[in-house]
Amino acid sequence: AHNIEDDSRMNPEFADRIKQLDKEASYYRNECGKAQAEVDRL
């Protein structure tokens, strides 16, 4: 498995970018779920 902690030792900026992208991905997954629930409701 890929270890983000190893990356942060080598390249902190890269690790921060990965964490940011992960946060955004979670947000959009959540928003998508809400939209789907709304569609199902209608």
PDB file of N, CA and C in Angstrom:
ATOM      1  N   ALA A   1       0.847  -1.201   0.000  1.00  0.00           N
ATOM      2  CA  ALA A   1       0.000   0.000   0.000  1.00  0.00           C
ATOM      3  C   ALA A   1       0.877   1.243   0.000  1.00  0.00           C
ATOM      4  N   HIS A   2       0.358   2.290  -0.604  1.00  0.00           N
ATOM      5  CA  HIS A   2       1.107   3.543  -0.679  1.00  0.00           C
ATOM      6  C   HIS A   2       0.976   4.288   0.639  1.00  0.00           C
ATOM      7  N   ASN A   3       2.080   4.816   1.116  1.00  0.00           N
ATOM      8  CA  ASN A   3       2.074   5.477   2.420  1.00  0.00           C
ATOM      9  C   ASN A   3       2.291   6.976   2.271  1.00  0.00           C
ATOM     10  N   ILE A   4       1.290   7.764   2.582  1.00  0.00           N
ATOM     11  CA  ILE A   4       1.368   9.218   2.456  1.00  0.00           C
ATOM     12  C   ILE A   4       2.419   9.791   3.409  1.00  0.00           C
ATOM     13  N   GLU A   5       2.606   9.157   4.554  1.00  0.00           N
ATOM     14  CA  GLU A   5       3.597   9.652   5.512  1.00  0.00           C
ATOM     15  C   GLU A   5       4.997   9.625   4.909  1.00  0.00           C
ATOM     16  N   ASP A   6       5.319   8.582   4.146  1.00  0.00           N
ATOM     17  CA  ASP A   6       6.616   8.509   3.476  1.00  0.00           C
ATOM     18  C   ASP A   6       6.770   9.679   2.517  1.00  0.00           C
ATOM     19  N   ASP A   7       5.735   9.968   1.777  1.00  0.00           N
ATOM     20  CA  ASP A   7       5.766  11.076   0.824  1.00  0.00           C
ATOM     21  C   ASP A   7       6.007  12.405   1.538  1.00  0.00           C
ATOM     22  N   SER A   8       5.399  12.587   2.693  1.00  0.00           N
ATOM     23  CA  SER A   8       5.511  13.865   3.385  1.00  0.00           C
ATOM     24  C   SER A   8       6.945  14.100   3.852  1.00  0.00           C
ATOM     25  N   ARG A   9       7.668  13.032   4.170  1.00  0.00           N
ATOM     26  CA  ARG A   9       9.078  13.196   4.531  1.00  0.00           C
ATOM     27  C   ARG A   9       9.889  13.617   3.310  1.00  0.00           C
ATOM     28  N   MET A  10       9.563  13.037   2.162  1.00  0.00           N
ATOM     29  CA  MET A  10      10.289  13.347   0.932  1.00  0.00           C
ATOM     30  C   MET A  10       9.863  14.693   0.355  1.00  0.00           C
ATOM     31  N   ASN A  11       8.571  14.969   0.394  1.00  0.00           N
ATOM     32  CA  ASN A  11       8.030  16.157  -0.266  1.00  0.00           C
ATOM     33  C   ASN A  11       6.770  16.640   0.451  1.00  0.00           C
ATOM     34  N   PRO A  12       6.949  17.480   1.466  1.00  0.00           N
ATOM     35  CA  PRO A  12       5.807  17.951   2.272  1.00  0.00           C
ATOM     36  C   PRO A  12       4.733  18.636   1.436  1.00  0.00           C
ATOM     37  N   GLU A  13       5.157  19.394   0.428  1.00  0.00           N
ATOM     38  CA  GLU A  13       4.209  20.106  -0.418  1.00  0.00           C
ATOM     39  C   GLU A  13       3.298  19.119  -1.143  1.00  0.00           C
ATOM     40  N   PHE A  14       3.893  18.051  -1.636  1.00  0.00           N
ATOM     41  CA  PHE A  14       3.136  17.018  -2.341  1.00  0.00           C
ATOM     42  C   PHE A  14       2.121  16.366  -1.408  1.00  0.00           C
ATOM     43  N   ALA A  15       2.550  16.056  -0.200  1.00  0.00           N
ATOM     44  CA  ALA A  15       1.654  15.417   0.768  1.00  0.00           C
ATOM     45  C   ALA A  15       0.481  16.334   1.108  1.00  0.00           C
ATOM     46  N   ASP A  16       0.759  17.627   1.246  1.00  0.00           N
ATOM     47  CA  ASP A  16      -0.313  18.584   1.529  1.00  0.00           C
ATOM     48  C   ASP A  16      -1.311  18.618   0.382  1.00  0.00           C
ATOM     49  N   ARG A  17      -0.785  18.550  -0.841  1.00  0.00           N
ATOM     50  CA  ARG A  17      -1.647  18.571  -2.027  1.00  0.00           C
ATOM     51  C   ARG A  17      -2.551  17.337  -2.032  1.00  0.00           C
ATOM     52  N   ILE A  18      -1.974  16.183  -1.695  1.00  0.00           N
ATOM     53  CA  ILE A  18      -2.746  14.935  -1.644  1.00  0.00           C
ATOM     54  C   ILE A  18      -3.863  15.051  -0.608  1.00  0.00           C
ATOM     55  N   LYS A  19      -3.519  15.578   0.559  1.00  0.00           N
ATOM     56  CA  LYS A  19      -4.529  15.726   1.615  1.00  0.00           C
ATOM     57  C   LYS A  19      -5.638  16.662   1.172  1.00  0.00           C
ATOM     58  N   GLN A  20      -5.252  17.754   0.488  1.00  0.00           N
ATOM     59  CA  GLN A  20      -6.239  18.720   0.005  1.00  0.00           C
ATOM     60  C   GLN A  20      -7.169  18.065  -1.018  1.00  0.00           C
ATOM     61  N   LEU A  21      -6.584  17.315  -1.945  1.00  0.00           N
ATOM     62  CA  LEU A  21      -7.389  16.635  -2.963  1.00  0.00           C
ATOM     63  C   LEU A  21      -8.327  15.622  -2.321  1.00  0.00           C
ATOM     64  N   ASP A  22      -7.834  14.939  -1.303  1.00  0.00           N
ATOM     65  CA  ASP A  22      -8.647  13.944  -0.611  1.00  0.00           C
ATOM     66  C   ASP A  22      -9.847  14.619   0.055  1.00  0.00           C
ATOM     67  N   LYS A  23      -9.599  15.787   0.646  1.00  0.00           N
ATOM     68  CA  LYS A  23     -10.664  16.552   1.283  1.00  0.00           C
ATOM     69  C   LYS A  23     -11.713  16.968   0.254  1.00  0.00           C
ATOM     70  N   GLU A  24     -11.229  17.463  -0.902  1.00  0.00           N
ATOM     71  CA  GLU A  24     -12.142  17.885  -1.964  1.00  0.00           C
ATOM     72  C   GLU A  24     -12.942  16.706  -2.494  1.00  0.00           C
ATOM     73  N   ALA A  25     -12.284  15.564  -2.660  1.00  0.00           N
ATOM     74  CA  ALA A  25     -12.963  14.373  -3.171  1.00  0.00           C
ATOM     75  C   ALA A  25     -14.082  13.960  -2.223  1.00  0.00           C
ATOM     76  N   SER A  26     -13.808  13.985  -0.928  1.00  0.00           N
ATOM     77  CA  SER A  26     -14.823  13.634   0.068  1.00  0.00           C
ATOM     78  C   SER A  26     -16.001  14.596  -0.010  1.00  0.00           C
ATOM     79  N   TYR A  27     -15.688  15.878  -0.165  1.00  0.00           N
ATOM     80  CA  TYR A  27     -16.736  16.899  -0.253  1.00  0.00           C
ATOM     81  C   TYR A  27     -17.633  16.651  -1.463  1.00  0.00           C
ATOM     82  N   TYR A  28     -17.015  16.411  -2.622  1.00  0.00           N
ATOM     83  CA  TYR A  28     -17.819  16.215  -3.830  1.00  0.00           C
ATOM     84  C   TYR A  28     -18.616  14.915  -3.784  1.00  0.00           C
ATOM     85  N   ARG A  29     -18.031  13.875  -3.166  1.00  0.00           N
ATOM     86  CA  ARG A  29     -18.768  12.612  -3.004  1.00  0.00           C
ATOM     87  C   ARG A  29     -20.011  12.871  -2.165  1.00  0.00           C
ATOM     88  N   ASN A  30     -19.847  13.642  -1.112  1.00  0.00           N
ATOM     89  CA  ASN A  30     -20.953  13.986  -0.217  1.00  0.00           C
ATOM     90  C   ASN A  30     -22.024  14.781  -0.965  1.00  0.00           C
ATOM     91  N   GLU A  31     -21.603  15.794  -1.715  1.00  0.00           N
ATOM     92  CA  GLU A  31     -22.543  16.620  -2.478  1.00  0.00           C
ATOM     93  C   GLU A  31     -23.286  15.774  -3.507  1.00  0.00           C
ATOM     94  N   CYS A  32     -22.570  14.876  -4.150  1.00  0.00           N
ATOM     95  CA  CYS A  32     -23.161  14.002  -5.162  1.00  0.00           C
ATOM     96  C   CYS A  32     -24.226  13.121  -4.516  1.00  0.00           C
ATOM     97  N   GLY A  33     -23.935  12.616  -3.326  1.00  0.00           N
ATOM     98  CA  GLY A  33     -24.899  11.796  -2.607  1.00  0.00           C
ATOM     99  C   GLY A  33     -26.163  12.575  -2.287  1.00  0.00           C
ATOM    100  N   LYS A  34     -25.998  13.834  -1.889  1.00  0.00           N
ATOM    101  CA  LYS A  34     -27.157  14.682  -1.586  1.00  0.00           C
ATOM    102  C   LYS A  34     -27.994  14.907  -2.837  1.00  0.00           C
ATOM    103  N   ALA A  35     -27.328  15.186  -3.949  1.00  0.00           N
ATOM    104  CA  ALA A  35     -28.034  15.426  -5.208  1.00  0.00           C
ATOM    105  C   ALA A  35     -28.806  14.178  -5.627  1.00  0.00           C
ATOM    106  N   GLN A  36     -28.182  13.016  -5.472  1.00  0.00           N
ATOM    107  CA  GLN A  36     -28.836  11.764  -5.845  1.00  0.00           C
ATOM    108  C   GLN A  36     -30.058  11.525  -4.963  1.00  0.00           C
ATOM    109  N   ALA A  37     -29.930  11.813  -3.680  1.00  0.00           N
ATOM    110  CA  ALA A  37     -31.055  11.647  -2.759  1.00  0.00           C
ATOM    111  C   ALA A  37     -32.207  12.554  -3.172  1.00  0.00           C
ATOM    112  N   GLU A  38     -31.876  13.766  -3.594  1.00  0.00           N
ATOM    113  CA  GLU A  38     -32.894  14.720  -4.035  1.00  0.00           C
ATOM    114  C   GLU A  38     -33.597  14.204  -5.288  1.00  0.00           C
ATOM    115  N   VAL A  39     -32.832  13.657  -6.220  1.00  0.00           N
ATOM    116  CA  VAL A  39     -33.409  13.094  -7.445  1.00  0.00           C
ATOM    117  C   VAL A  39     -34.346  11.935  -7.103  1.00  0.00           C
ATOM    118  N   ASP A  40     -33.894  11.064  -6.209  1.00  0.00           N
ATOM    119  CA  ASP A  40     -34.720   9.913  -5.816  1.00  0.00           C
ATOM    120  C   ASP A  40     -36.036  10.378  -5.185  1.00  0.00           C
ATOM    121  N   ARG A  41     -35.971  11.479  -4.442  1.00  0.00           N
ATOM    122  CA  ARG A  41     -37.133  11.991  -3.731  1.00  0.00           C
ATOM    123  C   ARG A  41     -38.191  12.531  -4.694  1.00  0.00           C
ATOM    124  N   LEU A  42     -37.742  13.083  -5.817  1.00  0.00           N
ATOM    125  CA  LEU A  42     -38.681  13.746  -6.733  1.00  0.00           C
ATOM    126  C   LEU A  42     -39.462  12.794  -7.619  1.00  0.00           C
TER     127      LEU A  42
END
